[in-house]
N, C-alpha and C. Protein backbone atom coordinates (compact mmCIF):
# COMPACT_ATOMS: atom_id res chain seq x y z
N MET A 1 10.38 -21.19 17.25
CA MET A 1 11.54 -20.93 16.42
C MET A 1 11.49 -19.49 15.93
N GLU A 2 12.60 -18.79 16.07
CA GLU A 2 12.65 -17.40 15.63
C GLU A 2 12.81 -17.33 14.12
N LYS A 3 12.10 -16.39 13.53
CA LYS A 3 12.13 -16.23 12.08
C LYS A 3 13.41 -15.52 11.65
N GLN A 4 13.99 -15.99 10.55
CA GLN A 4 15.19 -15.38 10.00
C GLN A 4 14.81 -14.38 8.90
N TYR A 5 15.53 -13.26 8.83
CA TYR A 5 15.18 -12.21 7.87
C TYR A 5 16.30 -11.89 6.89
N GLY A 6 17.35 -12.66 6.86
CA GLY A 6 18.53 -12.32 6.08
C GLY A 6 18.30 -12.11 4.60
N THR A 7 17.76 -13.07 3.87
CA THR A 7 17.63 -12.91 2.42
C THR A 7 16.21 -13.14 1.94
N GLY A 8 15.26 -13.08 2.83
CA GLY A 8 13.88 -13.30 2.43
C GLY A 8 13.29 -12.09 1.72
N ASN A 9 12.03 -12.20 1.44
CA ASN A 9 11.29 -11.11 0.81
C ASN A 9 10.51 -10.36 1.88
N VAL A 10 10.05 -9.18 1.51
CA VAL A 10 9.07 -8.45 2.31
C VAL A 10 7.78 -8.51 1.52
N TYR A 11 6.74 -9.10 2.10
CA TYR A 11 5.45 -9.19 1.44
C TYR A 11 4.49 -8.21 2.09
N LEU A 12 3.80 -7.45 1.27
CA LEU A 12 2.78 -6.53 1.75
C LEU A 12 1.42 -7.13 1.45
N VAL A 13 0.61 -7.29 2.49
CA VAL A 13 -0.74 -7.82 2.33
C VAL A 13 -1.73 -6.80 2.85
N GLY A 14 -2.96 -6.91 2.39
CA GLY A 14 -4.03 -6.01 2.81
C GLY A 14 -5.06 -5.90 1.70
N LEU A 15 -6.17 -5.27 2.02
CA LEU A 15 -7.25 -5.12 1.05
C LEU A 15 -6.86 -4.17 -0.08
N MET A 16 -7.62 -4.24 -1.16
CA MET A 16 -7.40 -3.33 -2.28
C MET A 16 -7.54 -1.90 -1.79
N GLY A 17 -6.60 -1.05 -2.23
CA GLY A 17 -6.62 0.34 -1.81
C GLY A 17 -5.84 0.62 -0.54
N ALA A 18 -5.25 -0.42 0.06
CA ALA A 18 -4.50 -0.23 1.31
C ALA A 18 -3.17 0.48 1.07
N GLY A 19 -2.69 0.47 -0.18
CA GLY A 19 -1.43 1.14 -0.50
C GLY A 19 -0.27 0.19 -0.71
N LYS A 20 -0.55 -1.08 -0.96
CA LYS A 20 0.51 -2.07 -1.10
C LYS A 20 1.48 -1.73 -2.23
N THR A 21 0.97 -1.33 -3.38
CA THR A 21 1.84 -1.02 -4.51
C THR A 21 2.60 0.28 -4.26
N THR A 22 1.93 1.30 -3.78
CA THR A 22 2.57 2.59 -3.53
C THR A 22 3.64 2.46 -2.45
N VAL A 23 3.27 1.86 -1.33
CA VAL A 23 4.22 1.67 -0.24
C VAL A 23 5.34 0.73 -0.69
N GLY A 24 4.97 -0.32 -1.41
CA GLY A 24 5.96 -1.30 -1.85
C GLY A 24 7.04 -0.72 -2.74
N ARG A 25 6.65 0.10 -3.71
CA ARG A 25 7.64 0.73 -4.59
C ARG A 25 8.62 1.58 -3.79
N SER A 26 8.08 2.40 -2.92
CA SER A 26 8.92 3.28 -2.11
C SER A 26 9.80 2.49 -1.14
N LEU A 27 9.23 1.48 -0.53
CA LEU A 27 9.97 0.66 0.42
C LEU A 27 11.12 -0.08 -0.29
N ALA A 28 10.86 -0.62 -1.46
CA ALA A 28 11.90 -1.31 -2.22
C ALA A 28 13.04 -0.37 -2.56
N LYS A 29 12.70 0.83 -2.96
CA LYS A 29 13.73 1.83 -3.29
C LYS A 29 14.58 2.14 -2.05
N ARG A 30 13.92 2.35 -0.92
CA ARG A 30 14.65 2.67 0.32
C ARG A 30 15.52 1.51 0.79
N LEU A 31 15.06 0.28 0.56
CA LEU A 31 15.81 -0.90 0.99
C LEU A 31 16.82 -1.38 -0.05
N GLY A 32 16.75 -0.82 -1.26
CA GLY A 32 17.64 -1.26 -2.32
C GLY A 32 17.29 -2.65 -2.84
N LEU A 33 15.99 -2.98 -2.80
CA LEU A 33 15.52 -4.28 -3.27
C LEU A 33 14.66 -4.12 -4.52
N ARG A 34 14.43 -5.21 -5.22
CA ARG A 34 13.56 -5.18 -6.40
C ARG A 34 12.11 -5.22 -5.95
N PHE A 35 11.25 -4.48 -6.65
CA PHE A 35 9.82 -4.45 -6.35
C PHE A 35 9.06 -5.29 -7.36
N ILE A 36 8.11 -6.09 -6.86
CA ILE A 36 7.23 -6.87 -7.73
C ILE A 36 5.81 -6.72 -7.22
N ASP A 37 4.89 -6.43 -8.13
CA ASP A 37 3.47 -6.41 -7.81
C ASP A 37 2.90 -7.71 -8.37
N SER A 38 2.34 -8.56 -7.51
CA SER A 38 1.88 -9.88 -7.97
C SER A 38 0.76 -9.76 -9.01
N ASP A 39 -0.11 -8.75 -8.89
CA ASP A 39 -1.15 -8.56 -9.90
C ASP A 39 -0.54 -8.18 -11.25
N HIS A 40 0.49 -7.33 -11.24
CA HIS A 40 1.15 -6.96 -12.50
C HIS A 40 1.86 -8.17 -13.10
N GLU A 41 2.37 -9.04 -12.24
CA GLU A 41 3.02 -10.27 -12.72
C GLU A 41 1.99 -11.16 -13.42
N ILE A 42 0.80 -11.26 -12.85
CA ILE A 42 -0.27 -12.05 -13.48
C ILE A 42 -0.63 -11.44 -14.83
N GLU A 43 -0.74 -10.12 -14.89
CA GLU A 43 -1.05 -9.45 -16.17
C GLU A 43 0.04 -9.71 -17.19
N ALA A 44 1.30 -9.66 -16.77
CA ALA A 44 2.41 -9.91 -17.70
C ALA A 44 2.37 -11.34 -18.22
N ARG A 45 2.05 -12.29 -17.36
CA ARG A 45 2.02 -13.70 -17.76
C ARG A 45 0.84 -14.02 -18.67
N THR A 46 -0.31 -13.37 -18.42
CA THR A 46 -1.50 -13.68 -19.21
C THR A 46 -1.65 -12.78 -20.43
N GLY A 47 -1.04 -11.61 -20.39
CA GLY A 47 -1.17 -10.65 -21.48
C GLY A 47 -2.47 -9.87 -21.45
N VAL A 48 -3.23 -9.99 -20.36
CA VAL A 48 -4.49 -9.25 -20.23
C VAL A 48 -4.59 -8.65 -18.83
N SER A 49 -5.54 -7.73 -18.66
CA SER A 49 -5.74 -7.07 -17.37
C SER A 49 -6.40 -8.01 -16.37
N ILE A 50 -6.29 -7.67 -15.10
CA ILE A 50 -6.93 -8.46 -14.04
C ILE A 50 -8.45 -8.54 -14.26
N PRO A 51 -9.13 -7.43 -14.58
CA PRO A 51 -10.57 -7.55 -14.84
C PRO A 51 -10.89 -8.53 -15.97
N THR A 52 -10.03 -8.60 -16.98
CA THR A 52 -10.25 -9.53 -18.08
C THR A 52 -10.06 -10.97 -17.61
N VAL A 53 -9.06 -11.22 -16.76
CA VAL A 53 -8.87 -12.56 -16.20
C VAL A 53 -10.12 -12.96 -15.42
N PHE A 54 -10.64 -12.04 -14.60
CA PHE A 54 -11.85 -12.32 -13.83
C PHE A 54 -13.03 -12.61 -14.76
N GLU A 55 -13.14 -11.82 -15.83
CA GLU A 55 -14.26 -11.98 -16.76
C GLU A 55 -14.21 -13.33 -17.46
N ILE A 56 -13.03 -13.76 -17.87
CA ILE A 56 -12.89 -15.00 -18.62
C ILE A 56 -12.85 -16.23 -17.71
N GLU A 57 -12.08 -16.15 -16.62
CA GLU A 57 -11.84 -17.33 -15.79
C GLU A 57 -12.56 -17.30 -14.45
N GLY A 58 -13.15 -16.17 -14.12
CA GLY A 58 -13.80 -16.03 -12.82
C GLY A 58 -12.79 -15.86 -11.71
N GLU A 59 -13.30 -15.65 -10.51
CA GLU A 59 -12.38 -15.45 -9.38
C GLU A 59 -11.55 -16.70 -9.11
N GLU A 60 -12.15 -17.88 -9.26
CA GLU A 60 -11.42 -19.12 -9.01
C GLU A 60 -10.21 -19.26 -9.94
N GLY A 61 -10.40 -18.95 -11.22
CA GLY A 61 -9.29 -19.01 -12.17
C GLY A 61 -8.20 -18.01 -11.82
N PHE A 62 -8.62 -16.81 -11.43
CA PHE A 62 -7.66 -15.80 -11.03
C PHE A 62 -6.87 -16.28 -9.81
N ARG A 63 -7.55 -16.86 -8.81
CA ARG A 63 -6.88 -17.30 -7.59
C ARG A 63 -5.86 -18.41 -7.88
N LYS A 64 -6.14 -19.27 -8.85
CA LYS A 64 -5.17 -20.30 -9.24
C LYS A 64 -3.92 -19.66 -9.82
N ARG A 65 -4.12 -18.68 -10.67
CA ARG A 65 -2.97 -17.97 -11.26
C ARG A 65 -2.18 -17.24 -10.17
N GLU A 66 -2.90 -16.62 -9.25
CA GLU A 66 -2.26 -15.91 -8.15
C GLU A 66 -1.41 -16.86 -7.30
N ALA A 67 -1.95 -18.05 -7.00
CA ALA A 67 -1.22 -19.03 -6.19
C ALA A 67 0.07 -19.45 -6.89
N GLN A 68 0.02 -19.60 -8.21
CA GLN A 68 1.23 -19.99 -8.95
C GLN A 68 2.27 -18.87 -8.89
N VAL A 69 1.83 -17.63 -9.04
CA VAL A 69 2.76 -16.50 -8.97
C VAL A 69 3.40 -16.43 -7.58
N ILE A 70 2.60 -16.57 -6.52
CA ILE A 70 3.14 -16.53 -5.16
C ILE A 70 4.12 -17.67 -4.94
N ALA A 71 3.79 -18.86 -5.42
CA ALA A 71 4.71 -20.00 -5.28
C ALA A 71 6.04 -19.69 -5.98
N ASP A 72 5.97 -19.12 -7.18
CA ASP A 72 7.19 -18.78 -7.92
C ASP A 72 7.99 -17.70 -7.20
N LEU A 73 7.31 -16.66 -6.72
CA LEU A 73 8.00 -15.56 -6.04
C LEU A 73 8.61 -16.01 -4.72
N SER A 74 8.02 -17.01 -4.08
CA SER A 74 8.54 -17.47 -2.79
C SER A 74 9.90 -18.16 -2.94
N HIS A 75 10.30 -18.48 -4.16
CA HIS A 75 11.61 -19.08 -4.40
C HIS A 75 12.68 -18.02 -4.67
N LEU A 76 12.27 -16.77 -4.76
CA LEU A 76 13.21 -15.67 -4.96
C LEU A 76 13.56 -15.07 -3.61
N SER A 77 14.49 -14.14 -3.62
CA SER A 77 14.82 -13.46 -2.37
C SER A 77 15.13 -11.99 -2.64
N ASP A 78 15.17 -11.24 -1.57
CA ASP A 78 15.49 -9.82 -1.62
C ASP A 78 14.55 -9.04 -2.54
N ARG A 79 13.26 -9.28 -2.37
CA ARG A 79 12.23 -8.58 -3.13
C ARG A 79 11.24 -7.95 -2.15
N VAL A 80 10.64 -6.87 -2.56
CA VAL A 80 9.46 -6.34 -1.88
C VAL A 80 8.30 -6.69 -2.81
N VAL A 81 7.32 -7.42 -2.29
CA VAL A 81 6.22 -7.92 -3.12
C VAL A 81 4.90 -7.37 -2.60
N ALA A 82 4.20 -6.64 -3.46
CA ALA A 82 2.83 -6.21 -3.19
C ALA A 82 1.92 -7.33 -3.69
N THR A 83 1.17 -7.92 -2.78
CA THR A 83 0.30 -9.04 -3.15
C THR A 83 -1.10 -8.54 -3.46
N GLY A 84 -1.88 -9.38 -4.11
CA GLY A 84 -3.29 -9.07 -4.33
C GLY A 84 -4.05 -9.17 -3.02
N GLY A 85 -5.16 -8.46 -2.93
CA GLY A 85 -5.93 -8.40 -1.70
C GLY A 85 -6.45 -9.74 -1.21
N GLY A 86 -6.69 -10.68 -2.11
CA GLY A 86 -7.24 -11.97 -1.72
C GLY A 86 -6.20 -13.07 -1.57
N VAL A 87 -4.93 -12.71 -1.61
CA VAL A 87 -3.86 -13.71 -1.56
C VAL A 87 -3.97 -14.62 -0.33
N VAL A 88 -4.49 -14.10 0.76
CA VAL A 88 -4.54 -14.87 2.01
C VAL A 88 -5.66 -15.90 2.03
N LEU A 89 -6.52 -15.92 1.03
CA LEU A 89 -7.66 -16.83 1.03
C LEU A 89 -7.24 -18.29 0.91
N HIS A 90 -6.12 -18.56 0.26
CA HIS A 90 -5.65 -19.92 0.08
C HIS A 90 -4.55 -20.24 1.09
N PRO A 91 -4.73 -21.32 1.85
CA PRO A 91 -3.73 -21.69 2.87
C PRO A 91 -2.31 -21.83 2.32
N GLU A 92 -2.17 -22.36 1.09
CA GLU A 92 -0.82 -22.55 0.54
C GLU A 92 -0.13 -21.20 0.31
N ASN A 93 -0.90 -20.17 -0.03
CA ASN A 93 -0.30 -18.84 -0.18
C ASN A 93 0.19 -18.33 1.17
N ARG A 94 -0.62 -18.51 2.20
CA ARG A 94 -0.21 -18.06 3.54
C ARG A 94 1.07 -18.78 3.97
N THR A 95 1.13 -20.08 3.69
CA THR A 95 2.32 -20.86 4.03
C THR A 95 3.53 -20.35 3.27
N ASN A 96 3.39 -20.13 1.97
CA ASN A 96 4.51 -19.65 1.15
C ASN A 96 4.99 -18.28 1.59
N LEU A 97 4.06 -17.39 1.91
CA LEU A 97 4.45 -16.04 2.35
C LEU A 97 5.24 -16.12 3.65
N ARG A 98 4.70 -16.83 4.62
CA ARG A 98 5.36 -16.91 5.94
C ARG A 98 6.73 -17.58 5.84
N ALA A 99 6.83 -18.60 4.99
CA ALA A 99 8.07 -19.37 4.91
C ALA A 99 9.19 -18.63 4.19
N SER A 100 8.85 -17.66 3.36
CA SER A 100 9.88 -17.06 2.50
C SER A 100 10.09 -15.57 2.72
N GLY A 101 9.54 -15.03 3.79
CA GLY A 101 9.78 -13.61 4.00
C GLY A 101 9.08 -13.06 5.22
N PHE A 102 9.14 -11.76 5.31
CA PHE A 102 8.54 -10.99 6.40
C PHE A 102 7.26 -10.39 5.85
N VAL A 103 6.14 -10.66 6.51
CA VAL A 103 4.83 -10.25 6.00
C VAL A 103 4.33 -9.04 6.79
N VAL A 104 4.02 -7.98 6.05
CA VAL A 104 3.50 -6.75 6.64
C VAL A 104 2.06 -6.56 6.19
N TYR A 105 1.16 -6.48 7.15
CA TYR A 105 -0.26 -6.24 6.87
C TYR A 105 -0.51 -4.75 6.93
N LEU A 106 -0.85 -4.16 5.78
CA LEU A 106 -1.23 -2.75 5.71
C LEU A 106 -2.73 -2.68 5.99
N ASN A 107 -3.07 -2.37 7.21
CA ASN A 107 -4.45 -2.37 7.66
C ASN A 107 -5.08 -1.00 7.45
N VAL A 108 -6.16 -0.98 6.69
CA VAL A 108 -6.93 0.25 6.45
C VAL A 108 -8.40 -0.12 6.59
N LEU A 109 -9.16 0.71 7.30
CA LEU A 109 -10.57 0.43 7.52
C LEU A 109 -11.38 0.60 6.24
N PRO A 110 -12.51 -0.12 6.12
CA PRO A 110 -13.30 -0.13 4.88
C PRO A 110 -13.72 1.24 4.36
N HIS A 111 -14.12 2.15 5.20
CA HIS A 111 -14.58 3.46 4.70
C HIS A 111 -13.45 4.20 4.00
N THR A 112 -12.26 4.15 4.56
CA THR A 112 -11.10 4.78 3.93
C THR A 112 -10.77 4.09 2.61
N LEU A 113 -10.85 2.76 2.59
CA LEU A 113 -10.62 2.02 1.35
C LEU A 113 -11.63 2.42 0.28
N TRP A 114 -12.87 2.58 0.69
CA TRP A 114 -13.93 2.98 -0.24
C TRP A 114 -13.62 4.35 -0.82
N GLU A 115 -13.17 5.28 0.02
CA GLU A 115 -12.80 6.61 -0.47
C GLU A 115 -11.66 6.52 -1.47
N ARG A 116 -10.71 5.66 -1.23
CA ARG A 116 -9.54 5.53 -2.10
C ARG A 116 -9.87 4.83 -3.42
N THR A 117 -10.86 3.94 -3.42
CA THR A 117 -11.12 3.11 -4.62
C THR A 117 -12.41 3.47 -5.35
N SER A 118 -13.14 4.45 -4.87
CA SER A 118 -14.49 4.71 -5.39
C SER A 118 -14.52 5.06 -6.89
N HIS A 119 -13.43 5.57 -7.43
CA HIS A 119 -13.42 5.93 -8.86
C HIS A 119 -12.59 4.97 -9.71
N ASP A 120 -12.14 3.88 -9.11
CA ASP A 120 -11.27 2.93 -9.80
C ASP A 120 -12.10 1.80 -10.40
N ARG A 121 -12.17 1.74 -11.71
CA ARG A 121 -12.95 0.70 -12.40
C ARG A 121 -12.14 -0.57 -12.63
N ASN A 122 -10.91 -0.60 -12.12
CA ASN A 122 -10.03 -1.74 -12.33
C ASN A 122 -10.07 -2.72 -11.15
N ARG A 123 -11.15 -2.66 -10.36
CA ARG A 123 -11.30 -3.51 -9.18
C ARG A 123 -12.55 -4.38 -9.38
N PRO A 124 -12.38 -5.57 -9.96
CA PRO A 124 -13.54 -6.41 -10.31
C PRO A 124 -14.49 -6.69 -9.14
N LEU A 125 -13.96 -6.90 -7.95
CA LEU A 125 -14.82 -7.25 -6.82
C LEU A 125 -15.67 -6.06 -6.34
N LEU A 126 -15.31 -4.85 -6.77
CA LEU A 126 -16.07 -3.67 -6.35
C LEU A 126 -17.07 -3.19 -7.39
N GLN A 127 -17.23 -3.93 -8.45
CA GLN A 127 -18.21 -3.57 -9.48
C GLN A 127 -19.57 -4.13 -9.09
N VAL A 128 -20.05 -3.64 -7.96
CA VAL A 128 -21.33 -4.08 -7.38
C VAL A 128 -22.14 -2.84 -7.01
N ALA A 129 -23.41 -3.05 -6.65
CA ALA A 129 -24.30 -1.93 -6.31
C ALA A 129 -23.81 -1.13 -5.11
N ASN A 130 -23.24 -1.81 -4.10
CA ASN A 130 -22.80 -1.12 -2.89
C ASN A 130 -21.34 -1.51 -2.58
N PRO A 131 -20.37 -0.79 -3.18
CA PRO A 131 -18.96 -1.14 -2.97
C PRO A 131 -18.50 -1.03 -1.51
N LEU A 132 -19.05 -0.06 -0.77
CA LEU A 132 -18.67 0.07 0.64
C LEU A 132 -19.08 -1.18 1.42
N LEU A 133 -20.28 -1.66 1.20
CA LEU A 133 -20.73 -2.88 1.86
C LEU A 133 -19.83 -4.06 1.48
N LYS A 134 -19.46 -4.14 0.22
CA LYS A 134 -18.57 -5.21 -0.24
C LYS A 134 -17.23 -5.13 0.48
N LEU A 135 -16.68 -3.92 0.61
CA LEU A 135 -15.41 -3.74 1.31
C LEU A 135 -15.53 -4.15 2.79
N GLU A 136 -16.66 -3.82 3.40
CA GLU A 136 -16.88 -4.22 4.79
C GLU A 136 -16.92 -5.74 4.92
N GLU A 137 -17.58 -6.40 3.96
CA GLU A 137 -17.63 -7.87 3.96
C GLU A 137 -16.24 -8.47 3.76
N LEU A 138 -15.48 -7.93 2.80
CA LEU A 138 -14.14 -8.43 2.54
C LEU A 138 -13.24 -8.23 3.76
N TYR A 139 -13.36 -7.07 4.39
CA TYR A 139 -12.56 -6.78 5.58
C TYR A 139 -12.87 -7.78 6.69
N SER A 140 -14.15 -8.00 6.91
CA SER A 140 -14.58 -8.93 7.96
C SER A 140 -14.04 -10.34 7.70
N GLN A 141 -14.07 -10.76 6.45
CA GLN A 141 -13.61 -12.09 6.06
C GLN A 141 -12.08 -12.20 6.11
N ARG A 142 -11.37 -11.19 5.61
CA ARG A 142 -9.94 -11.31 5.40
C ARG A 142 -9.06 -10.80 6.53
N ASP A 143 -9.55 -9.85 7.33
CA ASP A 143 -8.73 -9.28 8.40
C ASP A 143 -8.11 -10.37 9.29
N PRO A 144 -8.88 -11.37 9.74
CA PRO A 144 -8.26 -12.41 10.57
C PRO A 144 -7.15 -13.19 9.83
N LEU A 145 -7.31 -13.38 8.53
CA LEU A 145 -6.31 -14.10 7.74
C LEU A 145 -5.05 -13.25 7.56
N TYR A 146 -5.23 -11.95 7.32
CA TYR A 146 -4.07 -11.05 7.23
C TYR A 146 -3.30 -11.07 8.54
N ARG A 147 -4.03 -11.01 9.65
CA ARG A 147 -3.38 -11.00 10.97
C ARG A 147 -2.68 -12.33 11.25
N GLU A 148 -3.27 -13.42 10.78
CA GLU A 148 -2.67 -14.75 10.97
C GLU A 148 -1.31 -14.84 10.30
N VAL A 149 -1.19 -14.28 9.11
CA VAL A 149 0.03 -14.42 8.33
C VAL A 149 1.05 -13.32 8.64
N ALA A 150 0.61 -12.22 9.22
CA ALA A 150 1.47 -11.04 9.39
C ALA A 150 2.50 -11.18 10.49
N ASP A 151 3.71 -10.72 10.18
CA ASP A 151 4.75 -10.53 11.18
C ASP A 151 4.63 -9.15 11.81
N LEU A 152 4.01 -8.24 11.07
CA LEU A 152 3.86 -6.86 11.53
C LEU A 152 2.55 -6.32 10.96
N VAL A 153 1.74 -5.69 11.81
CA VAL A 153 0.50 -5.05 11.37
C VAL A 153 0.71 -3.54 11.48
N VAL A 154 0.44 -2.83 10.37
CA VAL A 154 0.63 -1.39 10.33
C VAL A 154 -0.68 -0.72 9.96
N ASP A 155 -1.09 0.26 10.76
CA ASP A 155 -2.26 1.07 10.41
C ASP A 155 -1.84 2.01 9.30
N CYS A 156 -2.29 1.72 8.08
CA CYS A 156 -1.85 2.50 6.93
C CYS A 156 -2.85 3.58 6.52
N SER A 157 -3.74 3.94 7.41
CA SER A 157 -4.61 5.07 7.11
C SER A 157 -3.77 6.34 7.01
N ARG A 158 -2.68 6.38 7.80
CA ARG A 158 -1.84 7.57 7.81
C ARG A 158 -0.35 7.26 7.68
N THR A 159 0.04 6.01 7.59
CA THR A 159 1.46 5.66 7.55
C THR A 159 1.91 5.47 6.10
N ASN A 160 3.07 6.07 5.77
CA ASN A 160 3.63 5.92 4.42
C ASN A 160 4.79 4.92 4.45
N ALA A 161 5.51 4.82 3.33
CA ALA A 161 6.60 3.84 3.24
C ALA A 161 7.68 4.12 4.27
N HIS A 162 7.98 5.39 4.53
CA HIS A 162 9.00 5.73 5.52
C HIS A 162 8.58 5.20 6.90
N GLY A 163 7.30 5.38 7.23
CA GLY A 163 6.79 4.87 8.51
C GLY A 163 6.87 3.36 8.58
N VAL A 164 6.55 2.67 7.47
CA VAL A 164 6.65 1.21 7.44
C VAL A 164 8.10 0.79 7.64
N LEU A 165 9.04 1.48 6.98
CA LEU A 165 10.46 1.17 7.13
C LEU A 165 10.91 1.36 8.58
N GLN A 166 10.46 2.43 9.22
CA GLN A 166 10.80 2.65 10.63
C GLN A 166 10.28 1.51 11.50
N LEU A 167 9.04 1.09 11.24
CA LEU A 167 8.47 -0.02 12.01
C LEU A 167 9.21 -1.33 11.74
N LEU A 168 9.59 -1.56 10.50
CA LEU A 168 10.37 -2.76 10.17
C LEU A 168 11.70 -2.75 10.92
N THR A 169 12.36 -1.60 10.91
CA THR A 169 13.65 -1.48 11.58
C THR A 169 13.49 -1.75 13.07
N ARG A 170 12.46 -1.19 13.67
CA ARG A 170 12.22 -1.41 15.09
C ARG A 170 11.91 -2.88 15.36
N GLU A 171 11.17 -3.51 14.44
CA GLU A 171 10.73 -4.90 14.65
C GLU A 171 11.86 -5.91 14.44
N VAL A 172 12.64 -5.75 13.39
CA VAL A 172 13.63 -6.79 13.06
C VAL A 172 15.06 -6.30 13.03
N GLY A 173 15.29 -5.04 13.31
CA GLY A 173 16.64 -4.57 13.48
C GLY A 173 17.28 -3.99 12.23
N GLU A 174 18.57 -3.91 12.28
CA GLU A 174 19.36 -3.18 11.29
C GLU A 174 19.30 -3.77 9.88
N ARG A 175 18.90 -5.00 9.72
CA ARG A 175 18.82 -5.63 8.39
C ARG A 175 18.01 -4.77 7.43
N TRP A 176 17.01 -4.04 7.93
CA TRP A 176 16.12 -3.28 7.06
C TRP A 176 16.53 -1.83 6.92
N LYS A 177 17.58 -1.43 7.62
CA LYS A 177 18.01 -0.02 7.57
C LYS A 177 18.95 0.17 6.40
N HIS A 178 18.64 1.09 5.53
CA HIS A 178 19.52 1.41 4.40
C HIS A 178 19.61 2.90 4.25
């Protein structure tokens, strides 16, 4: 069955530091759609930062909150949504993303991610002795899941929002051209 793109969302998936929020904001502006960052939505709902949610509830508690946000967002349309890096870990999130929009995997290799995130203290999973090793582990674990859910895989080591828009247009046609 061919996927329909008329009023769905565009979901950006990928590891932390891949550029989901940066690309998402720009892409939403170019497409004339509303932008939502799922991590910012969690912060707005809880009233605390993501690191604080991790500290109080652990990763499992955070993932439950994330799943609820994704479920809620999947009922909306015409949004560009930057998801959290671990969104693909839960099968129900993958199902919701695929069913309600076009999923773009912003693929960036671990060393580049490490360069981009090395000074960011707002990444709970990278507060370890060897963040590069952690990124390599996360990439190894999550890359197959990102690819499973993705309608389009983009090498974002060098591609910006304009490049993503061009690829979207080529992939699904004029619906994405604005």
